Amino acid sequence: MRHSRILKAGVACDQTEEHRNTLIADQDTQWLPATTGTVLGIALNHADLREQMAEAFNEKPHVNPPKTPVLHIKTDNTHIGNGAAIPAPADGEAIYAGPSLGIVIGQQATRVSAAEALDYVKGYTVVNEVSLAENSFYRPAVKAKCRDGFCPIGPWVVDAADVKEPGALQIATYVNGEMQHCTTTAKLHYGIAEIVEYVSSFITLQPGDLLIAGTPQRTEKLALKAGDTVAIEIEQIGRLENPVVAEQEIAQ
């Protein structure tokens, strides 16, 4: 089952569908972010990125790799739906796509164990955790992560029961229709259950909260500019597609 949120004639509506393979075509209808809760990201949680950072982990001031997941927040102003414009900085600063699986919480979770963590997962969605170039992964910069429109979510949430092996899903990123990057959730350093266990150990998670499982290394393959269209596709989940528009051209 798929659960989405739409804005129709100015009214936010929830809709549930057994099957939906086409995008909304009605001009009076638009996609909203697929969930409404707090959104937390897990940094440094992709095998390729950790490998790329291995040397830096052993240098000052850090000396060692992080021993627990590194968190960052994607504030409400970043959340947009499928089809909404991602604002590109007016100064032309490069931005990067951040393809990731989104883990949606289904019931209040406080200090749950990894063994029971998946019982608290409602389902999964597609997330594009857009960011400026990052220099500090241990303390992800708010300025890089929390610009307006820097977190497309959706188009829908797929029930956990309908997703086979969420720890082995292919994630493909397309820019202007061409596949630029492909990865899999099998490359997550901390798996889904471990993420829920860790975050719930000190934050009470509420229904609708979203955990961004982890993004790969931000190479030029994932670079975006005004005029591009970026799509993140996760097997069994769906395809999230957004245009990139110069921020000065987006109506306030």
C-alpha atoms as a PDB file:
ATOM      1  CA  MET A   1       0.000   0.000   0.000  1.00  0.00           C
ATOM      2  CA  ARG A   2       1.182   3.504  -0.839  1.00  0.00           C
ATOM      3  CA  HIS A   3       0.388   6.552   1.257  1.00  0.00           C
ATOM      4  CA  SER A   4       0.848  10.025  -0.199  1.00  0.00           C
ATOM      5  CA  ARG A   5      -0.019  13.609   0.612  1.00  0.00           C
ATOM      6  CA  ILE A   6      -1.282  16.015  -2.016  1.00  0.00           C
ATOM      7  CA  LEU A   7      -2.424  19.610  -2.203  1.00  0.00           C
ATOM      8  CA  LYS A   8      -5.656  19.849  -4.182  1.00  0.00           C
ATOM      9  CA  ALA A   9      -7.420  23.157  -4.662  1.00  0.00           C
ATOM     10  CA  GLY A  10      -5.386  24.551  -1.786  1.00  0.00           C
ATOM     11  CA  VAL A  11      -6.329  21.771   0.646  1.00  0.00           C
ATOM     12  CA  ALA A  12      -3.834  19.193   1.977  1.00  0.00           C
ATOM     13  CA  CYS A  13      -5.192  15.650   1.585  1.00  0.00           C
ATOM     14  CA  ASP A  14      -3.947  12.178   2.441  1.00  0.00           C
ATOM     15  CA  GLN A  15      -4.498   9.419  -0.083  1.00  0.00           C
ATOM     16  CA  THR A  16      -3.916   5.690   0.019  1.00  0.00           C
ATOM     17  CA  GLU A  17      -3.522   3.600  -3.111  1.00  0.00           C
ATOM     18  CA  GLU A  18      -2.877  -0.026  -3.852  1.00  0.00           C
ATOM     19  CA  HIS A  19      -1.288   0.818  -7.180  1.00  0.00           C
ATOM     20  CA  ARG A  20      -0.089   4.068  -8.688  1.00  0.00           C
ATOM     21  CA  ASN A  21       2.473   4.172 -11.457  1.00  0.00           C
ATOM     22  CA  THR A  22       1.814   7.614 -12.935  1.00  0.00           C
ATOM     23  CA  LEU A  23       2.352  11.092 -11.605  1.00  0.00           C
ATOM     24  CA  ILE A  24      -0.482  13.468 -10.849  1.00  0.00           C
ATOM     25  CA  ALA A  25      -1.340  15.349 -14.041  1.00  0.00           C
ATOM     26  CA  ASP A  26      -4.027  17.697 -12.707  1.00  0.00           C
ATOM     27  CA  GLN A  27      -2.765  21.295 -12.735  1.00  0.00           C
ATOM     28  CA  ASP A  28      -4.719  22.003  -9.549  1.00  0.00           C
ATOM     29  CA  THR A  29      -2.996  19.153  -7.692  1.00  0.00           C
ATOM     30  CA  GLN A  30       0.569  18.908  -6.450  1.00  0.00           C
ATOM     31  CA  TRP A  31       2.567  16.490  -4.371  1.00  0.00           C
ATOM     32  CA  LEU A  32       3.417  17.388  -0.788  1.00  0.00           C
ATOM     33  CA  PRO A  33       6.300  15.833   1.175  1.00  0.00           C
ATOM     34  CA  ALA A  34       5.208  12.254   1.845  1.00  0.00           C
ATOM     35  CA  THR A  35       5.505  12.590   5.618  1.00  0.00           C
ATOM     36  CA  THR A  36       5.132  15.428   8.107  1.00  0.00           C
ATOM     37  CA  GLY A  37       7.366  14.613  11.080  1.00  0.00           C
ATOM     38  CA  THR A  38      10.868  15.539  12.150  1.00  0.00           C
ATOM     39  CA  VAL A  39      13.526  14.594   9.587  1.00  0.00           C
ATOM     40  CA  LEU A  40      16.937  13.410  10.775  1.00  0.00           C
ATOM     41  CA  GLY A  41      19.797  12.319   8.546  1.00  0.00           C
ATOM     42  CA  ILE A  42      22.554   9.822   9.260  1.00  0.00           C
ATOM     43  CA  ALA A  43      25.890  11.169   8.020  1.00  0.00           C
ATOM     44  CA  LEU A  44      28.918   9.036   7.129  1.00  0.00           C
ATOM     45  CA  ASN A  45      26.711   5.967   6.737  1.00  0.00           C
ATOM     46  CA  HIS A  46      27.643   4.833   3.242  1.00  0.00           C
ATOM     47  CA  ALA A  47      30.510   2.404   2.675  1.00  0.00           C
ATOM     48  CA  ASP A  48      31.969   4.323  -0.281  1.00  0.00           C
ATOM     49  CA  LEU A  49      31.969   7.606   1.635  1.00  0.00           C
ATOM     50  CA  ARG A  50      33.559   6.039   4.717  1.00  0.00           C
ATOM     51  CA  GLU A  51      36.249   4.489   2.522  1.00  0.00           C
ATOM     52  CA  GLN A  52      36.918   7.868   0.923  1.00  0.00           C
ATOM     53  CA  MET A  53      37.159   9.449   4.388  1.00  0.00           C
ATOM     54  CA  ALA A  54      39.331   6.721   5.931  1.00  0.00           C
ATOM     55  CA  GLU A  55      42.554   8.735   5.851  1.00  0.00           C
ATOM     56  CA  ALA A  56      40.903  11.869   7.234  1.00  0.00           C
ATOM     57  CA  PHE A  57      39.394   9.852  10.091  1.00  0.00           C
ATOM     58  CA  ASN A  58      42.891   9.197  11.430  1.00  0.00           C
ATOM     59  CA  GLU A  59      44.045  12.821  11.301  1.00  0.00           C
ATOM     60  CA  LYS A  60      43.588  15.565  13.866  1.00  0.00           C
ATOM     61  CA  PRO A  61      41.325  16.727  15.356  1.00  0.00           C
ATOM     62  CA  HIS A  62      39.359  13.473  15.085  1.00  0.00           C
ATOM     63  CA  VAL A  63      42.120  10.798  15.188  1.00  0.00           C
ATOM     64  CA  ASN A  64      39.574   7.969  14.993  1.00  0.00           C
ATOM     65  CA  PRO A  65      36.487   7.190  12.923  1.00  0.00           C
ATOM     66  CA  PRO A  66      33.185   7.999  14.643  1.00  0.00           C
ATOM     67  CA  LYS A  67      32.062   5.174  16.909  1.00  0.00           C
ATOM     68  CA  THR A  68      28.330   5.947  16.651  1.00  0.00           C
ATOM     69  CA  PRO A  69      26.077   7.306  13.899  1.00  0.00           C
ATOM     70  CA  VAL A  70      26.541  11.018  13.153  1.00  0.00           C
ATOM     71  CA  LEU A  71      23.230  12.870  12.960  1.00  0.00           C
ATOM     72  CA  HIS A  72      22.074  16.021  11.228  1.00  0.00           C
ATOM     73  CA  ILE A  73      18.659  17.616  10.857  1.00  0.00           C
ATOM     74  CA  LYS A  74      16.730  18.666   7.771  1.00  0.00           C
ATOM     75  CA  THR A  75      14.511  21.475   9.017  1.00  0.00           C
ATOM     76  CA  ASP A  76      10.909  22.003   7.869  1.00  0.00           C
ATOM     77  CA  ASN A  77      11.865  24.662   5.324  1.00  0.00           C
ATOM     78  CA  THR A  78      13.842  22.059   3.387  1.00  0.00           C
ATOM     79  CA  HIS A  79      10.938  19.651   2.880  1.00  0.00           C
ATOM     80  CA  ILE A  80       9.324  19.671  -0.576  1.00  0.00           C
ATOM     81  CA  GLY A  81       7.309  17.169  -2.578  1.00  0.00           C
ATOM     82  CA  ASN A  82       7.751  15.402  -5.868  1.00  0.00           C
ATOM     83  CA  GLY A  83       7.846  17.897  -8.742  1.00  0.00           C
ATOM     84  CA  ALA A  84       8.601  20.950  -6.594  1.00  0.00           C
ATOM     85  CA  ALA A  85      11.608  23.085  -7.499  1.00  0.00           C
ATOM     86  CA  ILE A  86      14.937  22.719  -5.719  1.00  0.00           C
ATOM     87  CA  PRO A  87      16.352  26.260  -5.401  1.00  0.00           C
ATOM     88  CA  ALA A  88      19.898  26.652  -6.731  1.00  0.00           C
ATOM     89  CA  PRO A  89      21.937  29.380  -4.951  1.00  0.00           C
ATOM     90  CA  ALA A  90      21.965  32.697  -6.787  1.00  0.00           C
ATOM     91  CA  ASP A  91      25.760  32.876  -6.534  1.00  0.00           C
ATOM     92  CA  GLY A  92      26.105  29.675  -8.560  1.00  0.00           C
ATOM     93  CA  GLU A  93      27.560  27.630  -5.688  1.00  0.00           C
ATOM     94  CA  ALA A  94      27.453  23.928  -6.550  1.00  0.00           C
ATOM     95  CA  ILE A  95      24.805  21.755  -4.981  1.00  0.00           C
ATOM     96  CA  TYR A  96      24.745  17.969  -4.854  1.00  0.00           C
ATOM     97  CA  ALA A  97      22.030  15.342  -4.919  1.00  0.00           C
ATOM     98  CA  GLY A  98      21.884  13.015  -1.927  1.00  0.00           C
ATOM     99  CA  PRO A  99      20.060   9.805  -2.899  1.00  0.00           C
ATOM    100  CA  SER A 100      18.820   7.876   0.121  1.00  0.00           C
ATOM    101  CA  LEU A 101      16.216   5.549   1.499  1.00  0.00           C
ATOM    102  CA  GLY A 102      13.848   7.256   3.945  1.00  0.00           C
ATOM    103  CA  ILE A 103      12.719   5.268   7.000  1.00  0.00           C
ATOM    104  CA  VAL A 104       9.274   6.378   8.216  1.00  0.00           C
ATOM    105  CA  ILE A 105       8.338   5.720  11.838  1.00  0.00           C
ATOM    106  CA  GLY A 106       4.884   4.250  12.447  1.00  0.00           C
ATOM    107  CA  GLN A 107       4.522   4.344  16.221  1.00  0.00           C
ATOM    108  CA  GLN A 108       6.146   6.067  19.161  1.00  0.00           C
ATOM    109  CA  ALA A 109       9.607   4.612  19.695  1.00  0.00           C
ATOM    110  CA  THR A 110      11.659   5.133  22.843  1.00  0.00           C
ATOM    111  CA  ARG A 111      14.794   3.110  23.529  1.00  0.00           C
ATOM    112  CA  VAL A 112      13.818   0.233  21.266  1.00  0.00           C
ATOM    113  CA  SER A 113      16.259  -2.585  20.613  1.00  0.00           C
ATOM    114  CA  ALA A 114      17.581  -3.494  17.180  1.00  0.00           C
ATOM    115  CA  ALA A 115      15.707  -6.795  17.478  1.00  0.00           C
ATOM    116  CA  GLU A 116      12.362  -4.980  17.706  1.00  0.00           C
ATOM    117  CA  ALA A 117      13.217  -1.823  15.760  1.00  0.00           C
ATOM    118  CA  LEU A 118      11.596  -2.844  12.469  1.00  0.00           C
ATOM    119  CA  ASP A 119       8.270  -3.261  14.281  1.00  0.00           C
ATOM    120  CA  TYR A 120       8.286   0.526  14.675  1.00  0.00           C
ATOM    121  CA  VAL A 121       8.828   1.240  10.969  1.00  0.00           C
ATOM    122  CA  LYS A 122       5.679   2.175   9.074  1.00  0.00           C
ATOM    123  CA  GLY A 123       7.320   2.132   5.687  1.00  0.00           C
ATOM    124  CA  TYR A 124       9.860   3.597   3.318  1.00  0.00           C
ATOM    125  CA  THR A 125      10.086   6.548   0.967  1.00  0.00           C
ATOM    126  CA  VAL A 126      12.577   8.185  -1.393  1.00  0.00           C
ATOM    127  CA  VAL A 127      14.663  11.118  -0.184  1.00  0.00           C
ATOM    128  CA  ASN A 128      16.965  13.485  -2.035  1.00  0.00           C
ATOM    129  CA  GLU A 129      19.117  14.950   0.746  1.00  0.00           C
ATOM    130  CA  VAL A 130      20.430  17.906  -1.250  1.00  0.00           C
ATOM    131  CA  SER A 131      23.482  19.695   0.123  1.00  0.00           C
ATOM    132  CA  LEU A 132      26.163  22.220  -0.654  1.00  0.00           C
ATOM    133  CA  ALA A 133      29.713  20.889  -0.675  1.00  0.00           C
ATOM    134  CA  GLU A 134      30.678  19.734   2.828  1.00  0.00           C
ATOM    135  CA  ASN A 135      33.975  20.156   4.632  1.00  0.00           C
ATOM    136  CA  SER A 136      33.025  18.838   8.063  1.00  0.00           C
ATOM    137  CA  PHE A 137      31.230  15.501   8.207  1.00  0.00           C
ATOM    138  CA  TYR A 138      31.516  15.158  11.979  1.00  0.00           C
ATOM    139  CA  ARG A 139      29.506  18.352  12.430  1.00  0.00           C
ATOM    140  CA  PRO A 140      27.390  18.720   9.281  1.00  0.00           C
ATOM    141  CA  ALA A 141      26.943  22.413   8.549  1.00  0.00           C
ATOM    142  CA  VAL A 142      23.443  23.836   8.907  1.00  0.00           C
ATOM    143  CA  LYS A 143      24.180  26.236   6.033  1.00  0.00           C
ATOM    144  CA  ALA A 144      25.026  23.334   3.722  1.00  0.00           C
ATOM    145  CA  LYS A 145      22.115  21.125   4.748  1.00  0.00           C
ATOM    146  CA  CYS A 146      19.202  23.401   5.635  1.00  0.00           C
ATOM    147  CA  ARG A 147      18.652  25.749   2.705  1.00  0.00           C
ATOM    148  CA  ASP A 148      15.081  26.112   1.465  1.00  0.00           C
ATOM    149  CA  GLY A 149      13.933  23.160  -0.633  1.00  0.00           C
ATOM    150  CA  PHE A 150      16.980  21.000   0.082  1.00  0.00           C
ATOM    151  CA  CYS A 151      15.034  17.857   1.007  1.00  0.00           C
ATOM    152  CA  PRO A 152      12.560  16.466  -1.539  1.00  0.00           C
ATOM    153  CA  ILE A 153      10.592  13.567  -0.004  1.00  0.00           C
ATOM    154  CA  GLY A 154       8.186  11.171  -1.726  1.00  0.00           C
ATOM    155  CA  PRO A 155       6.214  10.765  -3.784  1.00  0.00           C
ATOM    156  CA  TRP A 156       4.715   8.342  -1.260  1.00  0.00           C
ATOM    157  CA  VAL A 157       5.425   6.037   1.669  1.00  0.00           C
ATOM    158  CA  VAL A 158       5.299   2.322   0.861  1.00  0.00           C
ATOM    159  CA  ASP A 159       4.201   0.026   3.687  1.00  0.00           C
ATOM    160  CA  ALA A 160       7.113  -1.866   5.227  1.00  0.00           C
ATOM    161  CA  ALA A 161       5.274  -5.158   4.682  1.00  0.00           C
ATOM    162  CA  ASP A 162       5.368  -4.529   0.920  1.00  0.00           C
ATOM    163  CA  VAL A 163       9.136  -3.999   0.730  1.00  0.00           C
ATOM    164  CA  LYS A 164      11.195  -7.153   0.482  1.00  0.00           C
ATOM    165  CA  GLU A 165      14.740  -6.940   1.855  1.00  0.00           C
ATOM    166  CA  PRO A 166      14.926  -3.172   2.505  1.00  0.00           C
ATOM    167  CA  GLY A 167      18.611  -3.705   3.273  1.00  0.00           C
ATOM    168  CA  ALA A 168      19.314  -4.604  -0.366  1.00  0.00           C
ATOM    169  CA  LEU A 169      17.492  -2.066  -2.539  1.00  0.00           C
ATOM    170  CA  GLN A 170      19.024  -0.468  -5.641  1.00  0.00           C
ATOM    171  CA  ILE A 171      19.109   3.340  -5.628  1.00  0.00           C
ATOM    172  CA  ALA A 172      19.646   5.083  -8.971  1.00  0.00           C
ATOM    173  CA  THR A 173      20.157   8.807  -9.572  1.00  0.00           C
ATOM    174  CA  TYR A 174      19.281  10.401 -12.907  1.00  0.00           C
ATOM    175  CA  VAL A 175      20.201  13.906 -14.054  1.00  0.00           C
ATOM    176  CA  ASN A 176      18.379  15.119 -17.152  1.00  0.00           C
ATOM    177  CA  GLY A 177      17.255  11.573 -17.883  1.00  0.00           C
ATOM    178  CA  GLU A 178      20.728  10.016 -17.737  1.00  0.00           C
ATOM    179  CA  MET A 179      21.698   7.656 -14.934  1.00  0.00           C
ATOM    180  CA  GLN A 180      24.661   9.241 -13.161  1.00  0.00           C
ATOM    181  CA  HIS A 181      24.968   7.105 -10.050  1.00  0.00           C
ATOM    182  CA  CYS A 182      23.833   3.742  -8.751  1.00  0.00           C
ATOM    183  CA  THR A 183      24.182   2.298  -5.269  1.00  0.00           C
ATOM    184  CA  THR A 184      22.346   0.006  -2.874  1.00  0.00           C
ATOM    185  CA  THR A 185      21.129   0.030   0.705  1.00  0.00           C
ATOM    186  CA  ALA A 186      23.428  -2.947   1.245  1.00  0.00           C
ATOM    187  CA  LYS A 187      26.224  -0.348   1.484  1.00  0.00           C
ATOM    188  CA  LEU A 188      24.803   1.241   4.627  1.00  0.00           C
ATOM    189  CA  HIS A 189      27.359   1.055   7.444  1.00  0.00           C
ATOM    190  CA  TYR A 190      24.599   1.013  10.058  1.00  0.00           C
ATOM    191  CA  GLY A 191      21.541  -0.916   8.947  1.00  0.00           C
ATOM    192  CA  ILE A 192      17.934   0.180   9.314  1.00  0.00           C
ATOM    193  CA  ALA A 193      17.367  -1.549  12.659  1.00  0.00           C
ATOM    194  CA  GLU A 194      20.612  -0.144  14.078  1.00  0.00           C
ATOM    195  CA  ILE A 195      19.635   3.377  13.016  1.00  0.00           C
ATOM    196  CA  VAL A 196      16.242   3.177  14.714  1.00  0.00           C
ATOM    197  CA  GLU A 197      17.791   1.664  17.829  1.00  0.00           C
ATOM    198  CA  TYR A 198      20.450   4.380  18.109  1.00  0.00           C
ATOM    199  CA  VAL A 199      18.248   7.400  17.457  1.00  0.00           C
ATOM    200  CA  SER A 200      15.457   6.158  19.733  1.00  0.00           C
ATOM    201  CA  SER A 201      17.985   5.669  22.547  1.00  0.00           C
ATOM    202  CA  PHE A 202      17.904   9.422  23.224  1.00  0.00           C
ATOM    203  CA  ILE A 203      15.117  10.839  21.014  1.00  0.00           C
ATOM    204  CA  THR A 204      11.537   9.637  21.320  1.00  0.00           C
ATOM    205  CA  LEU A 205      10.511   9.110  17.720  1.00  0.00           C
ATOM    206  CA  GLN A 206       6.914   9.884  16.785  1.00  0.00           C
ATOM    207  CA  PRO A 207       4.685   8.530  14.009  1.00  0.00           C
ATOM    208  CA  GLY A 208       5.587  10.308  10.775  1.00  0.00           C
ATOM    209  CA  ASP A 209       9.185  11.046  11.755  1.00  0.00           C
ATOM    210  CA  LEU A 210      11.672  10.296   8.988  1.00  0.00           C
ATOM    211  CA  LEU A 211      15.230   8.976   9.214  1.00  0.00           C
ATOM    212  CA  ILE A 212      17.439   9.469   6.134  1.00  0.00           C
ATOM    213  CA  ALA A 213      19.468   6.263   6.065  1.00  0.00           C
ATOM    214  CA  GLY A 214      22.610   7.632   4.428  1.00  0.00           C
ATOM    215  CA  THR A 215      23.940   9.238   1.257  1.00  0.00           C
ATOM    216  CA  PRO A 216      26.948   8.301  -0.892  1.00  0.00           C
ATOM    217  CA  GLN A 217      30.047  10.356  -1.588  1.00  0.00           C
ATOM    218  CA  ARG A 218      29.110  13.632  -3.329  1.00  0.00           C
ATOM    219  CA  THR A 219      31.077  13.453  -6.552  1.00  0.00           C
ATOM    220  CA  GLU A 220      30.646  15.513  -9.706  1.00  0.00           C
ATOM    221  CA  LYS A 221      28.260  12.797 -10.913  1.00  0.00           C
ATOM    222  CA  LEU A 222      25.790  14.083  -8.321  1.00  0.00           C
ATOM    223  CA  ALA A 223      26.399  17.804  -8.955  1.00  0.00           C
ATOM    224  CA  LEU A 224      23.344  19.846  -9.905  1.00  0.00           C
ATOM    225  CA  LYS A 225      22.779  23.280 -11.432  1.00  0.00           C
ATOM    226  CA  ALA A 226      19.850  25.457 -12.389  1.00  0.00           C
ATOM    227  CA  GLY A 227      18.072  23.978 -15.407  1.00  0.00           C
ATOM    228  CA  ASP A 228      18.706  20.357 -14.423  1.00  0.00           C
ATOM    229  CA  THR A 229      16.081  17.789 -13.518  1.00  0.00           C
ATOM    230  CA  VAL A 230      17.119  15.242 -10.905  1.00  0.00           C
ATOM    231  CA  ALA A 231      15.374  11.952 -10.167  1.00  0.00           C
ATOM    232  CA  ILE A 232      16.061   9.406  -7.438  1.00  0.00           C
ATOM    233  CA  GLU A 233      14.622   5.959  -8.048  1.00  0.00           C
ATOM    234  CA  ILE A 234      14.566   3.176  -5.448  1.00  0.00           C
ATOM    235  CA  GLU A 235      13.340  -0.244  -6.462  1.00  0.00           C
ATOM    236  CA  GLN A 236      10.055  -1.278  -4.822  1.00  0.00           C
ATOM    237  CA  ILE A 237       9.616   2.284  -3.504  1.00  0.00           C
ATOM    238  CA  GLY A 238       9.262   4.716  -6.409  1.00  0.00           C
ATOM    239  CA  ARG A 239      10.756   7.633  -8.290  1.00  0.00           C
ATOM    240  CA  LEU A 240      11.190  11.140  -6.869  1.00  0.00           C
ATOM    241  CA  GLU A 241      11.787  13.808  -9.523  1.00  0.00           C
ATOM    242  CA  ASN A 242      12.434  17.537  -9.112  1.00  0.00           C
ATOM    243  CA  PRO A 243      13.598  20.404 -11.320  1.00  0.00           C
ATOM    244  CA  VAL A 244      16.475  22.602 -10.180  1.00  0.00           C
ATOM    245  CA  VAL A 245      15.641  26.300 -10.526  1.00  0.00           C
ATOM    246  CA  ALA A 246      17.672  29.413  -9.766  1.00  0.00           C
ATOM    247  CA  GLU A 247      16.392  30.636  -6.414  1.00  0.00           C
ATOM    248  CA  GLN A 248      15.769  34.166  -7.708  1.00  0.00           C
ATOM    249  CA  GLU A 249      13.321  32.729 -10.248  1.00  0.00           C
ATOM    250  CA  ILE A 250      11.175  30.923  -7.681  1.00  0.00           C
ATOM    251  CA  ALA A 251       8.138  32.895  -6.573  1.00  0.00           C
ATOM    252  CA  GLN A 252       8.247  33.762  -2.892  1.00  0.00           C
END
